C-alpha atoms as a PDB file:
ATOM      1  CA  MET A   1      27.227 -10.927   0.237  1.00  0.00           C
ATOM      2  CA  ALA A   2      29.030  -8.886  -2.336  1.00  0.00           C
ATOM      3  CA  SER A   3      28.556  -9.300  -6.083  1.00  0.00           C
ATOM      4  CA  SER A   4      30.329  -8.446  -9.314  1.00  0.00           C
ATOM      5  CA  SER A   5      28.088  -5.407  -9.683  1.00  0.00           C
ATOM      6  CA  SER A   6      29.598  -3.701  -6.601  1.00  0.00           C
ATOM      7  CA  SER A   7      32.243  -1.859  -8.629  1.00  0.00           C
ATOM      8  CA  SER A   8      29.636  -0.391 -10.958  1.00  0.00           C
ATOM      9  CA  ILE A   9      27.553   0.702  -7.968  1.00  0.00           C
ATOM     10  CA  HIS A  10      30.608   2.515  -6.558  1.00  0.00           C
ATOM     11  CA  LYS A  11      30.988   4.435  -9.803  1.00  0.00           C
ATOM     12  CA  SER A  12      27.306   5.343  -9.925  1.00  0.00           C
ATOM     13  CA  PHE A  13      27.219   6.842  -6.427  1.00  0.00           C
ATOM     14  CA  LYS A  14      29.579   9.587  -5.414  1.00  0.00           C
ATOM     15  CA  HIS A  15      28.341   9.890  -1.865  1.00  0.00           C
ATOM     16  CA  GLU A  16      28.716   7.102   0.673  1.00  0.00           C
ATOM     17  CA  ALA A  17      25.256   7.687   2.144  1.00  0.00           C
ATOM     18  CA  LYS A  18      23.596   7.094  -1.227  1.00  0.00           C
ATOM     19  CA  PHE A  19      25.729   4.020  -1.764  1.00  0.00           C
ATOM     20  CA  ILE A  20      24.637   2.554   1.579  1.00  0.00           C
ATOM     21  CA  GLN A  21      20.998   3.398   0.876  1.00  0.00           C
ATOM     22  CA  LYS A  22      21.199   1.547  -2.448  1.00  0.00           C
ATOM     23  CA  ILE A  23      22.623  -1.545  -0.757  1.00  0.00           C
ATOM     24  CA  VAL A  24      19.900  -1.482   1.917  1.00  0.00           C
ATOM     25  CA  GLU A  25      17.155  -1.230  -0.718  1.00  0.00           C
ATOM     26  CA  GLU A  26      18.556  -4.128  -2.739  1.00  0.00           C
ATOM     27  CA  LEU A  27      19.013  -6.333   0.315  1.00  0.00           C
ATOM     28  CA  SER A  28      15.492  -5.529   1.545  1.00  0.00           C
ATOM     29  CA  LEU A  29      14.023  -6.672  -1.748  1.00  0.00           C
ATOM     30  CA  GLU A  30      16.039  -9.879  -1.584  1.00  0.00           C
ATOM     31  CA  LEU A  31      15.044 -10.599   2.019  1.00  0.00           C
ATOM     32  CA  ARG A  32      11.353 -10.029   1.320  1.00  0.00           C
ATOM     33  CA  SER A  33      11.389 -12.578  -1.483  1.00  0.00           C
ATOM     34  CA  ILE A  34      12.815 -15.355   0.706  1.00  0.00           C
ATOM     35  CA  SER A  35      10.884 -17.397   3.251  1.00  0.00           C
ATOM     36  CA  PHE A  36      12.966 -17.846   6.374  1.00  0.00           C
ATOM     37  CA  ASN A  37      12.645 -20.430   9.104  1.00  0.00           C
ATOM     38  CA  ILE A  38      15.651 -19.836  11.336  1.00  0.00           C
ATOM     39  CA  ASP A  39      16.590 -22.772  13.510  1.00  0.00           C
ATOM     40  CA  GLU A  40      17.640 -21.491  16.904  1.00  0.00           C
ATOM     41  CA  LYS A  41      19.622 -24.695  17.400  1.00  0.00           C
ATOM     42  CA  LEU A  42      22.072 -23.897  14.590  1.00  0.00           C
ATOM     43  CA  VAL A  43      25.583 -24.314  15.961  1.00  0.00           C
ATOM     44  CA  GLY A  44      27.233 -20.997  16.785  1.00  0.00           C
ATOM     45  CA  MET A  45      24.345 -18.858  15.456  1.00  0.00           C
ATOM     46  CA  LYS A  46      23.443 -17.247  18.775  1.00  0.00           C
ATOM     47  CA  SER A  47      27.008 -16.067  19.433  1.00  0.00           C
ATOM     48  CA  ARG A  48      27.356 -14.747  15.859  1.00  0.00           C
ATOM     49  CA  VAL A  49      24.124 -12.781  16.109  1.00  0.00           C
ATOM     50  CA  LYS A  50      25.206 -11.310  19.446  1.00  0.00           C
ATOM     51  CA  GLU A  51      28.560 -10.266  17.965  1.00  0.00           C
ATOM     52  CA  VAL A  52      27.003  -8.500  14.956  1.00  0.00           C
ATOM     53  CA  VAL A  53      24.347  -6.739  17.056  1.00  0.00           C
ATOM     54  CA  SER A  54      26.937  -5.476  19.540  1.00  0.00           C
ATOM     55  CA  SER A  55      29.035  -4.170  16.642  1.00  0.00           C
ATOM     56  CA  LEU A  56      26.088  -2.190  15.296  1.00  0.00           C
ATOM     57  CA  GLY A  57      25.653  -0.310  18.574  1.00  0.00           C
ATOM     58  CA  THR A  58      22.562   1.717  19.472  1.00  0.00           C
ATOM     59  CA  GLY A  59      23.372   5.217  18.195  1.00  0.00           C
ATOM     60  CA  PHE A  60      21.928   7.044  15.219  1.00  0.00           C
ATOM     61  CA  ASP A  61      25.114   6.864  13.137  1.00  0.00           C
ATOM     62  CA  VAL A  62      24.912   4.969   9.842  1.00  0.00           C
ATOM     63  CA  LEU A  63      26.913   1.753  10.110  1.00  0.00           C
ATOM     64  CA  MET A  64      27.633  -0.910   7.515  1.00  0.00           C
ATOM     65  CA  ILE A  65      28.949  -4.347   8.408  1.00  0.00           C
ATOM     66  CA  GLY A  66      29.982  -6.781   5.699  1.00  0.00           C
ATOM     67  CA  ILE A  67      29.291 -10.501   6.082  1.00  0.00           C
ATOM     68  CA  LYS A  68      31.509 -12.583   3.829  1.00  0.00           C
ATOM     69  CA  GLY A  69      32.238 -16.241   3.341  1.00  0.00           C
ATOM     70  CA  MET A  70      31.696 -19.248   1.080  1.00  0.00           C
ATOM     71  CA  GLY A  71      28.319 -19.986  -0.440  1.00  0.00           C
ATOM     72  CA  GLY A  72      26.025 -21.965   1.837  1.00  0.00           C
ATOM     73  CA  GLY A  73      27.835 -20.804   4.960  1.00  0.00           C
ATOM     74  CA  GLY A  74      24.782 -19.175   6.500  1.00  0.00           C
ATOM     75  CA  LYS A  75      25.432 -15.512   5.633  1.00  0.00           C
ATOM     76  CA  THR A  76      21.830 -14.777   4.644  1.00  0.00           C
ATOM     77  CA  THR A  77      20.486 -16.695   7.646  1.00  0.00           C
ATOM     78  CA  LEU A  78      22.730 -14.670   9.949  1.00  0.00           C
ATOM     79  CA  ALA A  79      21.662 -11.356   8.348  1.00  0.00           C
ATOM     80  CA  ARG A  80      17.984 -12.268   8.757  1.00  0.00           C
ATOM     81  CA  ALA A  81      18.476 -13.326  12.385  1.00  0.00           C
ATOM     82  CA  VAL A  82      20.164  -9.997  13.146  1.00  0.00           C
ATOM     83  CA  PHE A  83      17.363  -8.109  11.406  1.00  0.00           C
ATOM     84  CA  ASP A  84      14.690  -9.958  13.401  1.00  0.00           C
ATOM     85  CA  GLN A  85      16.436  -9.091  16.656  1.00  0.00           C
ATOM     86  CA  ILE A  86      16.907  -5.361  16.050  1.00  0.00           C
ATOM     87  CA  SER A  87      13.899  -4.504  13.859  1.00  0.00           C
ATOM     88  CA  SER A  88      11.780  -3.545  16.869  1.00  0.00           C
ATOM     89  CA  GLN A  89      14.131  -0.590  17.434  1.00  0.00           C
ATOM     90  CA  PHE A  90      13.581   0.866  13.956  1.00  0.00           C
ATOM     91  CA  GLU A  91      10.033   2.132  14.475  1.00  0.00           C
ATOM     92  CA  GLU A  92      10.832   4.056  17.639  1.00  0.00           C
ATOM     93  CA  MET A  93      14.039   5.388  16.096  1.00  0.00           C
ATOM     94  CA  GLY A  94      12.103   6.624  13.068  1.00  0.00           C
ATOM     95  CA  ARG A  95       9.524   8.353  15.248  1.00  0.00           C
ATOM     96  CA  ASN A  96      12.241  10.109  17.221  1.00  0.00           C
ATOM     97  CA  ILE A  97      13.818  11.368  13.997  1.00  0.00           C
ATOM     98  CA  VAL A  98      10.457  12.716  12.761  1.00  0.00           C
ATOM     99  CA  ARG A  99       9.774  14.536  16.035  1.00  0.00           C
ATOM    100  CA  ARG A 100      13.294  15.906  16.497  1.00  0.00           C
ATOM    101  CA  SER A 101      12.888  19.217  14.593  1.00  0.00           C
ATOM    102  CA  HIS A 102       9.464  20.197  16.015  1.00  0.00           C
ATOM    103  CA  PRO A 103       8.790  18.102  19.143  1.00  0.00           C
ATOM    104  CA  ASP A 104       5.761  20.178  20.213  1.00  0.00           C
ATOM    105  CA  LYS A 105       4.319  20.989  16.778  1.00  0.00           C
ATOM    106  CA  PRO A 106       3.051  17.765  15.149  1.00  0.00           C
ATOM    107  CA  GLN A 107       1.463  19.764  12.321  1.00  0.00           C
ATOM    108  CA  LYS A 108       4.994  20.363  11.050  1.00  0.00           C
ATOM    109  CA  HIS A 109       5.962  16.680  11.108  1.00  0.00           C
ATOM    110  CA  SER A 110       6.391  14.849   7.820  1.00  0.00           C
ATOM    111  CA  ARG A 111       4.580  11.801   9.221  1.00  0.00           C
ATOM    112  CA  LEU A 112       1.592  11.577  11.550  1.00  0.00           C
ATOM    113  CA  TRP A 113       0.524   8.396  13.343  1.00  0.00           C
ATOM    114  CA  VAL A 114      -0.973   9.433  16.725  1.00  0.00           C
ATOM    115  CA  GLY A 115      -4.776   9.470  16.471  1.00  0.00           C
ATOM    116  CA  ASP A 116      -5.401  12.362  18.864  1.00  0.00           C
ATOM    117  CA  GLU A 117      -2.794  14.535  17.166  1.00  0.00           C
ATOM    118  CA  ILE A 118      -4.209  13.792  13.716  1.00  0.00           C
ATOM    119  CA  GLU A 119      -7.747  14.599  14.879  1.00  0.00           C
ATOM    120  CA  GLU A 120      -6.646  17.924  16.381  1.00  0.00           C
ATOM    121  CA  ILE A 121      -4.672  18.956  13.298  1.00  0.00           C
ATOM    122  CA  LEU A 122      -7.571  18.146  10.971  1.00  0.00           C
ATOM    123  CA  ALA A 123     -10.250  19.681  13.223  1.00  0.00           C
ATOM    124  CA  ASN A 124      -8.356  22.977  13.508  1.00  0.00           C
ATOM    125  CA  ASP A 125      -7.256  23.053   9.870  1.00  0.00           C
ATOM    126  CA  LEU A 126      -3.576  23.107  10.862  1.00  0.00           C
ATOM    127  CA  GLY A 127      -2.370  20.963   7.978  1.00  0.00           C
ATOM    128  CA  THR A 128       0.695  22.036   5.994  1.00  0.00           C
ATOM    129  CA  LYS A 129       2.642  20.990   2.908  1.00  0.00           C
ATOM    130  CA  ALA A 130       5.190  19.388   5.239  1.00  0.00           C
ATOM    131  CA  THR A 131       2.983  16.354   5.915  1.00  0.00           C
ATOM    132  CA  ARG A 132       3.816  13.422   3.637  1.00  0.00           C
ATOM    133  CA  CYS A 133       2.185  10.520   5.469  1.00  0.00           C
ATOM    134  CA  ILE A 134      -0.852   9.956   7.716  1.00  0.00           C
ATOM    135  CA  HIS A 135      -1.438   6.484   9.096  1.00  0.00           C
ATOM    136  CA  THR A 136      -3.742   5.534  11.969  1.00  0.00           C
ATOM    137  CA  ASN A 137      -6.379   2.986  12.961  1.00  0.00           C
ATOM    138  CA  TYR A 138      -8.016   5.629  15.147  1.00  0.00           C
ATOM    139  CA  ALA A 139     -11.563   6.362  13.912  1.00  0.00           C
ATOM    140  CA  LEU A 140     -11.685   9.946  12.611  1.00  0.00           C
ATOM    141  CA  LYS A 141     -14.780  12.146  12.422  1.00  0.00           C
ATOM    142  CA  LEU A 142     -15.923  12.800   8.857  1.00  0.00           C
ATOM    143  CA  HIS A 143     -16.302  16.566   9.232  1.00  0.00           C
ATOM    144  CA  ASN A 144     -12.732  16.860  10.521  1.00  0.00           C
ATOM    145  CA  VAL A 145     -11.322  14.924   7.573  1.00  0.00           C
ATOM    146  CA  THR A 146     -13.292  16.937   4.995  1.00  0.00           C
ATOM    147  CA  LYS A 147     -12.039  20.126   6.603  1.00  0.00           C
ATOM    148  CA  GLY A 148      -8.435  19.306   7.316  1.00  0.00           C
ATOM    149  CA  LEU A 149      -6.951  17.789   4.149  1.00  0.00           C
ATOM    150  CA  ARG A 150      -7.146  20.950   2.044  1.00  0.00           C
ATOM    151  CA  LYS A 151      -3.758  22.370   3.011  1.00  0.00           C
ATOM    152  CA  MET A 152      -1.835  19.078   2.880  1.00  0.00           C
ATOM    153  CA  LYS A 153      -0.809  19.460  -0.745  1.00  0.00           C
ATOM    154  CA  GLY A 154       2.294  17.283  -0.344  1.00  0.00           C
ATOM    155  CA  LEU A 155       0.487  14.294   1.219  1.00  0.00           C
ATOM    156  CA  ARG A 156       1.530  11.049  -0.493  1.00  0.00           C
ATOM    157  CA  PHE A 157       0.317   8.337   1.891  1.00  0.00           C
ATOM    158  CA  LEU A 158      -3.095   8.402   3.592  1.00  0.00           C
ATOM    159  CA  SER A 159      -4.459   5.459   5.563  1.00  0.00           C
ATOM    160  CA  VAL A 160      -7.363   6.242   7.908  1.00  0.00           C
ATOM    161  CA  LEU A 161     -10.699   4.947   9.185  1.00  0.00           C
ATOM    162  CA  ILE A 162     -13.833   7.095   9.079  1.00  0.00           C
ATOM    163  CA  GLU A 163     -16.028   6.924  12.164  1.00  0.00           C
ATOM    164  CA  GLY A 164     -19.230   4.952  11.509  1.00  0.00           C
ATOM    165  CA  ARG A 165     -20.217   2.980   8.414  1.00  0.00           C
ATOM    166  CA  PHE A 166     -22.528   3.621   5.450  1.00  0.00           C
ATOM    167  CA  HIS A 167     -23.480   7.171   6.423  1.00  0.00           C
ATOM    168  CA  ASN A 168     -26.872   8.412   5.280  1.00  0.00           C
ATOM    169  CA  LEU A 169     -25.637  11.568   3.597  1.00  0.00           C
ATOM    170  CA  LYS A 170     -28.336  13.897   2.282  1.00  0.00           C
ATOM    171  CA  SER A 171     -26.156  15.251  -0.506  1.00  0.00           C
ATOM    172  CA  GLU A 172     -24.503  13.123  -3.187  1.00  0.00           C
ATOM    173  CA  LYS A 173     -21.841  15.776  -3.713  1.00  0.00           C
ATOM    174  CA  VAL A 174     -18.407  14.695  -2.477  1.00  0.00           C
ATOM    175  CA  SER A 175     -17.031  17.263  -0.052  1.00  0.00           C
ATOM    176  CA  LEU A 176     -13.510  15.863   0.249  1.00  0.00           C
ATOM    177  CA  ASP A 177     -10.395  17.418  -1.252  1.00  0.00           C
ATOM    178  CA  PHE A 178      -7.820  14.685  -1.804  1.00  0.00           C
ATOM    179  CA  PRO A 179      -4.300  16.013  -2.537  1.00  0.00           C
ATOM    180  CA  ASP A 180      -3.195  15.204  -6.080  1.00  0.00           C
ATOM    181  CA  ALA A 181       0.212  14.088  -4.739  1.00  0.00           C
ATOM    182  CA  LEU A 182      -1.350  10.961  -3.177  1.00  0.00           C
ATOM    183  CA  ARG A 183       0.291   7.647  -4.113  1.00  0.00           C
ATOM    184  CA  TYR A 184      -1.520   5.488  -1.575  1.00  0.00           C
ATOM    185  CA  LEU A 185      -5.086   6.190  -0.473  1.00  0.00           C
ATOM    186  CA  SER A 186      -6.807   3.953   2.070  1.00  0.00           C
ATOM    187  CA  MET A 187     -10.016   5.184   3.672  1.00  0.00           C
ATOM    188  CA  LYS A 188     -12.115   2.494   5.290  1.00  0.00           C
ATOM    189  CA  CYS A 189     -15.825   3.306   5.670  1.00  0.00           C
ATOM    190  CA  TYR A 190     -15.563   6.055   3.032  1.00  0.00           C
ATOM    191  CA  PRO A 191     -19.067   7.608   3.217  1.00  0.00           C
ATOM    192  CA  PHE A 192     -19.516   8.991  -0.312  1.00  0.00           C
ATOM    193  CA  ARG A 193     -20.826   7.240  -3.432  1.00  0.00           C
ATOM    194  CA  SER A 194     -17.835   8.124  -5.617  1.00  0.00           C
ATOM    195  CA  LEU A 195     -14.489   9.898  -5.732  1.00  0.00           C
ATOM    196  CA  PRO A 196     -14.578  13.705  -6.035  1.00  0.00           C
ATOM    197  CA  LYS A 197     -14.323  15.327  -9.469  1.00  0.00           C
ATOM    198  CA  THR A 198     -11.552  17.582  -8.166  1.00  0.00           C
ATOM    199  CA  PHE A 199      -9.233  14.643  -7.450  1.00  0.00           C
ATOM    200  CA  GLN A 200      -6.846  14.184 -10.392  1.00  0.00           C
ATOM    201  CA  ALA A 201      -5.341  10.902  -9.107  1.00  0.00           C
ATOM    202  CA  ASN A 202      -2.470  11.157 -11.585  1.00  0.00           C
ATOM    203  CA  ASN A 203      -0.025   9.670  -9.073  1.00  0.00           C
ATOM    204  CA  LEU A 204      -2.293   7.140  -7.365  1.00  0.00           C
ATOM    205  CA  VAL A 205      -0.809   3.635  -7.221  1.00  0.00           C
ATOM    206  CA  ALA A 206      -3.126   2.022  -4.657  1.00  0.00           C
ATOM    207  CA  LEU A 207      -6.747   2.718  -3.743  1.00  0.00           C
ATOM    208  CA  VAL A 208      -8.255   0.913  -0.732  1.00  0.00           C
ATOM    209  CA  MET A 209     -11.843   1.740   0.266  1.00  0.00           C
ATOM    210  CA  ALA A 210     -13.136  -1.342   2.031  1.00  0.00           C
ATOM    211  CA  TYR A 211     -16.534  -1.180   3.760  1.00  0.00           C
ATOM    212  CA  SER A 212     -17.337   2.038   1.925  1.00  0.00           C
ATOM    213  CA  SER A 213     -20.483   3.540   0.417  1.00  0.00           C
ATOM    214  CA  ILE A 214     -18.849   3.882  -2.990  1.00  0.00           C
ATOM    215  CA  LYS A 215     -21.088   2.812  -5.900  1.00  0.00           C
ATOM    216  CA  GLN A 216     -18.988   4.016  -8.834  1.00  0.00           C
ATOM    217  CA  LEU A 217     -15.446   5.328  -9.111  1.00  0.00           C
ATOM    218  CA  TRP A 218     -16.073   8.855 -10.320  1.00  0.00           C
ATOM    219  CA  GLU A 219     -18.621  11.451  -9.325  1.00  0.00           C
ATOM    220  CA  GLY A 220     -21.147  12.064 -12.079  1.00  0.00           C
ATOM    221  CA  GLY A 221     -19.974   9.008 -14.014  1.00  0.00           C
ATOM    222  CA  GLY A 222     -16.670  10.616 -15.019  1.00  0.00           C
ATOM    223  CA  ARG A 223     -14.039   8.588 -16.887  1.00  0.00           C
ATOM    224  CA  LYS A 224     -10.675   9.814 -15.644  1.00  0.00           C
ATOM    225  CA  VAL A 225      -8.069   7.077 -16.104  1.00  0.00           C
ATOM    226  CA  PHE A 226      -5.822   5.829 -13.284  1.00  0.00           C
ATOM    227  CA  ASN A 227      -2.714   5.262 -15.386  1.00  0.00           C
ATOM    228  CA  LYS A 228      -0.454   4.446 -12.427  1.00  0.00           C
ATOM    229  CA  MET A 229      -2.859   2.364 -10.368  1.00  0.00           C
ATOM    230  CA  ARG A 230      -1.624  -1.141  -9.515  1.00  0.00           C
ATOM    231  CA  PHE A 231      -3.853  -2.130  -6.570  1.00  0.00           C
ATOM    232  CA  LEU A 232      -7.608  -1.593  -6.185  1.00  0.00           C
ATOM    233  CA  ASP A 233      -9.507  -2.820  -3.119  1.00  0.00           C
ATOM    234  CA  LEU A 234     -13.204  -1.959  -2.872  1.00  0.00           C
ATOM    235  CA  SER A 235     -14.114  -5.047  -0.871  1.00  0.00           C
ATOM    236  CA  HIS A 236     -17.381  -5.077   1.095  1.00  0.00           C
ATOM    237  CA  SER A 237     -18.435  -1.808  -0.507  1.00  0.00           C
ATOM    238  CA  ARG A 238     -21.683  -0.816  -2.247  1.00  0.00           C
ATOM    239  CA  LEU A 239     -20.033  -0.907  -5.680  1.00  0.00           C
ATOM    240  CA  ARG A 240     -22.494  -1.712  -8.483  1.00  0.00           C
ATOM    241  CA  THR A 241     -20.413  -1.422 -11.632  1.00  0.00           C
ATOM    242  CA  LEU A 242     -16.723  -1.188 -12.512  1.00  0.00           C
ATOM    243  CA  ASP A 243     -14.982  -0.427 -15.808  1.00  0.00           C
ATOM    244  CA  LEU A 244     -11.428  -1.816 -15.797  1.00  0.00           C
ATOM    245  CA  GLY A 245     -10.642   0.379 -18.779  1.00  0.00           C
ATOM    246  CA  LEU A 246     -10.109   3.128 -16.190  1.00  0.00           C
ATOM    247  CA  ALA A 247      -7.159   1.206 -14.694  1.00  0.00           C
ATOM    248  CA  PRO A 248      -5.185  -0.242 -17.643  1.00  0.00           C
ATOM    249  CA  ASN A 249      -2.132  -1.173 -15.540  1.00  0.00           C
ATOM    250  CA  LEU A 250      -3.984  -2.804 -12.656  1.00  0.00           C
ATOM    251  CA  GLU A 251      -2.311  -5.844 -11.062  1.00  0.00           C
ATOM    252  CA  THR A 252      -4.547  -6.734  -8.113  1.00  0.00           C
ATOM    253  CA  LEU A 253      -8.338  -6.332  -7.904  1.00  0.00           C
ATOM    254  CA  ASN A 254     -10.235  -7.115  -4.689  1.00  0.00           C
ATOM    255  CA  LEU A 255     -14.035  -6.898  -4.867  1.00  0.00           C
ATOM    256  CA  GLU A 256     -14.746  -9.508  -2.210  1.00  0.00           C
ATOM    257  CA  GLY A 257     -18.113  -9.096  -0.527  1.00  0.00           C
ATOM    258  CA  CYS A 258     -19.439  -6.518  -3.024  1.00  0.00           C
ATOM    259  CA  ASN A 259     -22.988  -7.861  -2.806  1.00  0.00           C
ATOM    260  CA  ASN A 260     -24.366  -5.159  -5.118  1.00  0.00           C
ATOM    261  CA  LEU A 261     -21.844  -5.750  -7.939  1.00  0.00           C
ATOM    262  CA  VAL A 262     -23.723  -6.576 -11.154  1.00  0.00           C
ATOM    263  CA  GLU A 263     -21.279  -5.490 -13.882  1.00  0.00           C
ATOM    264  CA  LEU A 264     -17.522  -5.853 -14.356  1.00  0.00           C
ATOM    265  CA  HIS A 265     -16.526  -4.448 -17.731  1.00  0.00           C
ATOM    266  CA  MET A 266     -13.129  -5.119 -19.373  1.00  0.00           C
ATOM    267  CA  PRO A 267     -12.999  -3.185 -22.682  1.00  0.00           C
ATOM    268  CA  ILE A 268      -9.196  -3.358 -23.104  1.00  0.00           C
ATOM    269  CA  ARG A 269      -6.429  -5.924 -22.577  1.00  0.00           C
ATOM    270  CA  CYS A 270      -5.323  -6.034 -18.937  1.00  0.00           C
ATOM    271  CA  LEU A 271      -1.957  -7.704 -19.376  1.00  0.00           C
ATOM    272  CA  LYS A 272      -0.689  -6.848 -15.883  1.00  0.00           C
ATOM    273  CA  LEU A 273      -3.738  -8.123 -14.026  1.00  0.00           C
ATOM    274  CA  ILE A 274      -2.654 -11.177 -12.011  1.00  0.00           C
ATOM    275  CA  SER A 275      -5.103 -11.392  -9.086  1.00  0.00           C
ATOM    276  CA  VAL A 276      -8.901 -11.028  -9.007  1.00  0.00           C
ATOM    277  CA  ASP A 277     -11.275 -11.679  -6.095  1.00  0.00           C
ATOM    278  CA  ILE A 278     -15.008 -11.211  -6.790  1.00  0.00           C
ATOM    279  CA  SER A 279     -16.363 -13.649  -4.224  1.00  0.00           C
ATOM    280  CA  HIS A 280     -19.912 -13.067  -2.941  1.00  0.00           C
ATOM    281  CA  SER A 281     -20.840 -10.831  -5.892  1.00  0.00           C
ATOM    282  CA  ARG A 282     -24.100 -10.802  -7.871  1.00  0.00           C
ATOM    283  CA  LEU A 283     -22.397 -10.969 -11.252  1.00  0.00           C
ATOM    284  CA  ARG A 284     -24.297 -13.050 -13.819  1.00  0.00           C
ATOM    285  CA  THR A 285     -21.636 -12.857 -16.536  1.00  0.00           C
ATOM    286  CA  LEU A 286     -17.853 -12.608 -16.259  1.00  0.00           C
ATOM    287  CA  ASP A 287     -15.547 -12.177 -19.231  1.00  0.00           C
ATOM    288  CA  LEU A 288     -11.815 -12.287 -18.444  1.00  0.00           C
ATOM    289  CA  ARG A 289     -10.562 -13.172 -21.911  1.00  0.00           C
ATOM    290  CA  LEU A 290      -8.533  -9.955 -22.049  1.00  0.00           C
ATOM    291  CA  ALA A 291      -6.595 -10.869 -18.885  1.00  0.00           C
ATOM    292  CA  PRO A 292      -4.370 -13.760 -20.054  1.00  0.00           C
ATOM    293  CA  ASN A 293      -1.796 -13.465 -17.259  1.00  0.00           C
ATOM    294  CA  LEU A 294      -4.035 -14.156 -14.276  1.00  0.00           C
ATOM    295  CA  LYS A 295      -2.421 -16.134 -11.461  1.00  0.00           C
ATOM    296  CA  THR A 296      -5.220 -16.057  -8.871  1.00  0.00           C
ATOM    297  CA  LEU A 297      -8.984 -15.952  -9.436  1.00  0.00           C
ATOM    298  CA  ILE A 298     -11.424 -16.246  -6.509  1.00  0.00           C
ATOM    299  CA  LEU A 299     -15.097 -16.869  -7.342  1.00  0.00           C
ATOM    300  CA  TYR A 300     -16.294 -18.209  -4.005  1.00  0.00           C
ATOM    301  CA  ALA A 301     -20.067 -17.972  -3.408  1.00  0.00           C
ATOM    302  CA  CYS A 302     -20.817 -16.340  -6.790  1.00  0.00           C
ATOM    303  CA  ARG A 303     -24.254 -17.960  -6.817  1.00  0.00           C
ATOM    304  CA  TYR A 304     -25.667 -15.834  -9.624  1.00  0.00           C
ATOM    305  CA  LEU A 305     -22.863 -16.471 -12.133  1.00  0.00           C
ATOM    306  CA  VAL A 306     -24.233 -18.252 -15.221  1.00  0.00           C
ATOM    307  CA  GLU A 307     -21.701 -17.299 -17.912  1.00  0.00           C
ATOM    308  CA  PHE A 308     -17.933 -17.310 -17.427  1.00  0.00           C
ATOM    309  CA  GLN A 309     -15.199 -16.818 -20.037  1.00  0.00           C
ATOM    310  CA  MET A 310     -11.402 -16.838 -19.729  1.00  0.00           C
ATOM    311  CA  ALA A 311      -8.447 -16.586 -22.076  1.00  0.00           C
ATOM    312  CA  SER A 312      -7.969 -19.826 -24.027  1.00  0.00           C
ATOM    313  CA  ILE A 313      -4.377 -19.975 -22.773  1.00  0.00           C
ATOM    314  CA  CYS A 314      -3.853 -18.873 -19.172  1.00  0.00           C
ATOM    315  CA  LEU A 315      -0.546 -20.546 -18.332  1.00  0.00           C
ATOM    316  CA  ASN A 316       0.123 -18.569 -15.162  1.00  0.00           C
ATOM    317  CA  LEU A 317      -3.088 -19.477 -13.319  1.00  0.00           C
ATOM    318  CA  LYS A 318      -2.154 -21.130 -10.019  1.00  0.00           C
ATOM    319  CA  SER A 319      -5.356 -20.785  -7.995  1.00  0.00           C
ATOM    320  CA  LEU A 320      -9.001 -20.847  -9.050  1.00  0.00           C
END
């Protein structure tokens, strides 16, 4: 599984740990791009997998095992089979590493995933700069979330569910303080009509607010640009209008089930936009002439659409 670039990688990395990390990242990208259907009846595969797994052991030490041989000999298939067998251990191992330094103080952990712990930390305003990731499917109370994010200035990944749906808030003012370090923001059932003015979103790559009350992106009709945003999912929300000029580098747009959507404006060329889903919208006109690289376009149940325009040459379109 080695390549001619291995010598240059050795020169680029002075420390073995960094070298191993680079190899793991490159192999992960390769494995994700390949569809595997491993035949359990392959001759000798079971014994080979058992041998590699036993060589890896179960400790926390970093180990690297090379698999070499002629092309077509099943090296990649073997590596994938080993991965499938031991991957279930990775999650628990990662959690143990996170908890090791402060086993009884979750507010000091870099990653939080236990719903009760997250709720307690937010409710008691115990957040710190140490927290980098919060991920849970546990429904959180709105007042705890609005209170507890203020101190988490280093938070980069936030994926939560707000208790209830389509809250009847008396005030239109957004009372949430999202950390500006956020790269990924997913908040299902977001109860406000827009994002807060205080949120800079300079680092935001993905925004997911499905089943939310959001009607427009920015509070007060602001026009801050998401220069780094690649993925936007406002599906099944109350969105009425969207200006894609605010996300010039967008790749994937999901507005499925936005029954109130009446305007989708594209004032600039969106050359990176490859996937758009606006099914079940109330759009009457749709102009995608400035998105020539679309690969997927979903218009299912767009009953009100009467005018539709696309780029004259859209060679990459695979699904319509």
